[in-house]
Amino acid sequence: MESSLGKTSTDEIAVMVDTFKPLLLAEAAVACEDPSYFRSWIEAPSTV
């Protein structure tokens, strides 16, 4: 984590899956869902 501080980009690939029928979540996936995950993409406001 510390080595990522100050980075503005990564060498990652994102994949989106589009299905004809809805996918169902396994119980294990529902149990570990983080309801605040969507906020992890919001940059913290600058304090400068």
PDB file of N, CA and C in Angstrom:
ATOM      1  N   MET A   1       0.819  -1.176   0.000  1.00  0.00           N
ATOM      2  CA  MET A   1       0.000   0.000   0.000  1.00  0.00           C
ATOM      3  C   MET A   1       0.874   1.256   0.000  1.00  0.00           C
ATOM      4  N   GLU A   2       1.895   1.259   0.800  1.00  0.00           N
ATOM      5  CA  GLU A   2       2.727   2.464   0.882  1.00  0.00           C
ATOM      6  C   GLU A   2       3.372   2.805  -0.454  1.00  0.00           C
ATOM      7  N   SER A   3       3.718   1.791  -1.244  1.00  0.00           N
ATOM      8  CA  SER A   3       4.350   2.076  -2.534  1.00  0.00           C
ATOM      9  C   SER A   3       3.366   2.696  -3.527  1.00  0.00           C
ATOM     10  N   SER A   4       2.067   2.633  -3.241  1.00  0.00           N
ATOM     11  CA  SER A   4       1.081   3.226  -4.149  1.00  0.00           C
ATOM     12  C   SER A   4       0.833   4.707  -3.846  1.00  0.00           C
ATOM     13  N   LEU A   5       1.328   5.205  -2.734  1.00  0.00           N
ATOM     14  CA  LEU A   5       1.098   6.608  -2.378  1.00  0.00           C
ATOM     15  C   LEU A   5       1.697   7.533  -3.437  1.00  0.00           C
ATOM     16  N   GLY A   6       0.924   8.491  -3.864  1.00  0.00           N
ATOM     17  CA  GLY A   6       1.397   9.452  -4.852  1.00  0.00           C
ATOM     18  C   GLY A   6       1.235   9.006  -6.296  1.00  0.00           C
ATOM     19  N   LYS A   7       0.846   7.766  -6.525  1.00  0.00           N
ATOM     20  CA  LYS A   7       0.669   7.288  -7.900  1.00  0.00           C
ATOM     21  C   LYS A   7      -0.614   7.881  -8.473  1.00  0.00           C
ATOM     22  N   THR A   8      -0.598   8.160  -9.759  1.00  0.00           N
ATOM     23  CA  THR A   8      -1.780   8.701 -10.419  1.00  0.00           C
ATOM     24  C   THR A   8      -2.366   7.743 -11.448  1.00  0.00           C
ATOM     25  N   SER A   9      -1.711   6.597 -11.657  1.00  0.00           N
ATOM     26  CA  SER A   9      -2.228   5.610 -12.603  1.00  0.00           C
ATOM     27  C   SER A   9      -1.690   4.231 -12.234  1.00  0.00           C
ATOM     28  N   THR A  10      -2.284   3.212 -12.838  1.00  0.00           N
ATOM     29  CA  THR A  10      -1.835   1.834 -12.626  1.00  0.00           C
ATOM     30  C   THR A  10      -1.780   1.117 -13.963  1.00  0.00           C
ATOM     31  N   ASP A  11      -1.150  -0.024 -13.985  1.00  0.00           N
ATOM     32  CA  ASP A  11      -1.094  -0.857 -15.188  1.00  0.00           C
ATOM     33  C   ASP A  11      -2.065  -2.021 -15.013  1.00  0.00           C
ATOM     34  N   GLU A  12      -3.345  -1.704 -14.912  1.00  0.00           N
ATOM     35  CA  GLU A  12      -4.368  -2.713 -14.690  1.00  0.00           C
ATOM     36  C   GLU A  12      -5.371  -2.708 -15.836  1.00  0.00           C
ATOM     37  N   ILE A  13      -6.077  -3.799 -15.949  1.00  0.00           N
ATOM     38  CA  ILE A  13      -7.123  -3.926 -16.951  1.00  0.00           C
ATOM     39  C   ILE A  13      -8.435  -4.200 -16.230  1.00  0.00           C
ATOM     40  N   ALA A  14      -9.480  -3.511 -16.610  1.00  0.00           N
ATOM     41  CA  ALA A  14     -10.809  -3.755 -16.048  1.00  0.00           C
ATOM     42  C   ALA A  14     -11.623  -4.546 -17.067  1.00  0.00           C
ATOM     43  N   VAL A  15     -12.448  -5.454 -16.581  1.00  0.00           N
ATOM     44  CA  VAL A  15     -13.275  -6.279 -17.452  1.00  0.00           C
ATOM     45  C   VAL A  15     -14.734  -6.114 -17.047  1.00  0.00           C
ATOM     46  N   MET A  16     -15.592  -5.886 -18.030  1.00  0.00           N
ATOM     47  CA  MET A  16     -17.022  -5.799 -17.769  1.00  0.00           C
ATOM     48  C   MET A  16     -17.697  -6.978 -18.449  1.00  0.00           C
ATOM     49  N   VAL A  17     -18.597  -7.638 -17.737  1.00  0.00           N
ATOM     50  CA  VAL A  17     -19.318  -8.779 -18.287  1.00  0.00           C
ATOM     51  C   VAL A  17     -20.762  -8.362 -18.519  1.00  0.00           C
ATOM     52  N   ASP A  18     -21.244  -8.544 -19.728  1.00  0.00           N
ATOM     53  CA  ASP A  18     -22.630  -8.238 -20.069  1.00  0.00           C
ATOM     54  C   ASP A  18     -23.317  -9.560 -20.405  1.00  0.00           C
ATOM     55  N   THR A  19     -24.335  -9.930 -19.650  1.00  0.00           N
ATOM     56  CA  THR A  19     -24.999 -11.210 -19.853  1.00  0.00           C
ATOM     57  C   THR A  19     -26.420 -11.011 -20.365  1.00  0.00           C
ATOM     58  N   PHE A  20     -26.961 -12.036 -20.979  1.00  0.00           N
ATOM     59  CA  PHE A  20     -28.350 -11.988 -21.432  1.00  0.00           C
ATOM     60  C   PHE A  20     -29.295 -12.177 -20.252  1.00  0.00           C
ATOM     61  N   LYS A  21     -28.902 -12.999 -19.305  1.00  0.00           N
ATOM     62  CA  LYS A  21     -29.721 -13.253 -18.122  1.00  0.00           C
ATOM     63  C   LYS A  21     -28.997 -12.706 -16.898  1.00  0.00           C
ATOM     64  N   PRO A  22     -29.734 -12.240 -15.899  1.00  0.00           N
ATOM     65  CA  PRO A  22     -29.094 -11.712 -14.686  1.00  0.00           C
ATOM     66  C   PRO A  22     -28.273 -12.783 -13.970  1.00  0.00           C
ATOM     67  N   LEU A  23     -27.153 -12.370 -13.414  1.00  0.00           N
ATOM     68  CA  LEU A  23     -26.335 -13.275 -12.614  1.00  0.00           C
ATOM     69  C   LEU A  23     -26.865 -13.270 -11.182  1.00  0.00           C
ATOM     70  N   LEU A  24     -26.787 -14.395 -10.514  1.00  0.00           N
ATOM     71  CA  LEU A  24     -27.237 -14.495  -9.135  1.00  0.00           C
ATOM     72  C   LEU A  24     -26.025 -14.484  -8.214  1.00  0.00           C
ATOM     73  N   LEU A  25     -26.135 -13.801  -7.089  1.00  0.00           N
ATOM     74  CA  LEU A  25     -25.044 -13.741  -6.125  1.00  0.00           C
ATOM     75  C   LEU A  25     -25.090 -14.946  -5.194  1.00  0.00           C
ATOM     76  N   ALA A  26     -23.939 -15.514  -4.921  1.00  0.00           N
ATOM     77  CA  ALA A  26     -23.835 -16.598  -3.953  1.00  0.00           C
ATOM     78  C   ALA A  26     -24.017 -16.013  -2.553  1.00  0.00           C
ATOM     79  N   GLU A  27     -24.490 -16.819  -1.637  1.00  0.00           N
ATOM     80  CA  GLU A  27     -24.682 -16.345  -0.265  1.00  0.00           C
ATOM     81  C   GLU A  27     -23.390 -15.805   0.336  1.00  0.00           C
ATOM     82  N   ALA A  28     -22.275 -16.444   0.024  1.00  0.00           N
ATOM     83  CA  ALA A  28     -20.981 -15.993   0.557  1.00  0.00           C
ATOM     84  C   ALA A  28     -20.649 -14.586   0.051  1.00  0.00           C
ATOM     85  N   ALA A  29     -21.003 -14.289  -1.192  1.00  0.00           N
ATOM     86  CA  ALA A  29     -20.735 -12.964  -1.745  1.00  0.00           C
ATOM     87  C   ALA A  29     -21.612 -11.913  -1.077  1.00  0.00           C
ATOM     88  N   VAL A  30     -22.869 -12.245  -0.857  1.00  0.00           N
ATOM     89  CA  VAL A  30     -23.784 -11.311  -0.202  1.00  0.00           C
ATOM     90  C   VAL A  30     -23.319 -11.032   1.226  1.00  0.00           C
ATOM     91  N   ALA A  31     -22.811 -12.059   1.894  1.00  0.00           N
ATOM     92  CA  ALA A  31     -22.377 -11.911   3.291  1.00  0.00           C
ATOM     93  C   ALA A  31     -21.179 -10.982   3.436  1.00  0.00           C
ATOM     94  N   CYS A  32     -20.353 -10.858   2.412  1.00  0.00           N
ATOM     95  CA  CYS A  32     -19.147 -10.022   2.551  1.00  0.00           C
ATOM     96  C   CYS A  32     -19.260  -8.705   1.788  1.00  0.00           C
ATOM     97  N   GLU A  33     -20.443  -8.362   1.330  1.00  0.00           N
ATOM     98  CA  GLU A  33     -20.626  -7.108   0.606  1.00  0.00           C
ATOM     99  C   GLU A  33     -20.321  -5.907   1.503  1.00  0.00           C
ATOM    100  N   ASP A  34     -19.641  -4.929   0.948  1.00  0.00           N
ATOM    101  CA  ASP A  34     -19.328  -3.695   1.667  1.00  0.00           C
ATOM    102  C   ASP A  34     -20.228  -2.591   1.115  1.00  0.00           C
ATOM    103  N   PRO A  35     -21.257  -2.193   1.857  1.00  0.00           N
ATOM    104  CA  PRO A  35     -22.203  -1.203   1.333  1.00  0.00           C
ATOM    105  C   PRO A  35     -21.588   0.170   1.060  1.00  0.00           C
ATOM    106  N   SER A  36     -20.425   0.451   1.587  1.00  0.00           N
ATOM    107  CA  SER A  36     -19.792   1.750   1.330  1.00  0.00           C
ATOM    108  C   SER A  36     -18.712   1.670   0.230  1.00  0.00           C
ATOM    109  N   TYR A  37     -18.642   0.536  -0.482  1.00  0.00           N
ATOM    110  CA  TYR A  37     -17.608   0.359  -1.509  1.00  0.00           C
ATOM    111  C   TYR A  37     -17.635   1.466  -2.560  1.00  0.00           C
ATOM    112  N   PHE A  38     -18.832   1.862  -2.975  1.00  0.00           N
ATOM    113  CA  PHE A  38     -18.918   2.877  -4.034  1.00  0.00           C
ATOM    114  C   PHE A  38     -18.203   4.166  -3.640  1.00  0.00           C
ATOM    115  N   ARG A  39     -18.086   4.430  -2.361  1.00  0.00           N
ATOM    116  CA  ARG A  39     -17.401   5.649  -1.906  1.00  0.00           C
ATOM    117  C   ARG A  39     -15.880   5.535  -2.034  1.00  0.00           C
ATOM    118  N   SER A  40     -15.356   4.328  -2.183  1.00  0.00           N
ATOM    119  CA  SER A  40     -13.900   4.151  -2.258  1.00  0.00           C
ATOM    120  C   SER A  40     -13.317   4.791  -3.519  1.00  0.00           C
ATOM    121  N   TRP A  41     -14.154   5.121  -4.501  1.00  0.00           N
ATOM    122  CA  TRP A  41     -13.678   5.731  -5.738  1.00  0.00           C
ATOM    123  C   TRP A  41     -13.722   7.252  -5.673  1.00  0.00           C
ATOM    124  N   ILE A  42     -14.280   7.803  -4.616  1.00  0.00           N
ATOM    125  CA  ILE A  42     -14.383   9.247  -4.481  1.00  0.00           C
ATOM    126  C   ILE A  42     -13.108   9.776  -3.842  1.00  0.00           C
ATOM    127  N   GLU A  43     -12.482  10.728  -4.507  1.00  0.00           N
ATOM    128  CA  GLU A  43     -11.260  11.303  -3.954  1.00  0.00           C
ATOM    129  C   GLU A  43     -11.595  12.151  -2.732  1.00  0.00           C
ATOM    130  N   ALA A  44     -10.743  12.076  -1.743  1.00  0.00           N
ATOM    131  CA  ALA A  44     -10.926  12.884  -0.535  1.00  0.00           C
ATOM    132  C   ALA A  44     -10.732  14.355  -0.907  1.00  0.00           C
ATOM    133  N   PRO A  45     -11.514  15.246  -0.324  1.00  0.00           N
ATOM    134  CA  PRO A  45     -11.354  16.671  -0.614  1.00  0.00           C
ATOM    135  C   PRO A  45      -9.987  17.176  -0.175  1.00  0.00           C
ATOM    136  N   SER A  46      -9.442  18.074  -0.939  1.00  0.00           N
ATOM    137  CA  SER A  46      -8.149  18.654  -0.618  1.00  0.00           C
ATOM    138  C   SER A  46      -8.261  19.545   0.617  1.00  0.00           C
ATOM    139  N   THR A  47      -7.264  19.461   1.486  1.00  0.00           N
ATOM    140  CA  THR A  47      -7.271  20.288   2.693  1.00  0.00           C
ATOM    141  C   THR A  47      -6.328  21.468   2.561  1.00  0.00           C
ATOM    142  N   VAL A  48      -5.871  21.719   1.332  1.00  0.00           N
ATOM    143  CA  VAL A  48      -4.941  22.822   1.091  1.00  0.00           C
ATOM    144  C   VAL A  48      -5.671  24.094   0.876  1.00  0.00           C
TER     145      VAL A  48
END
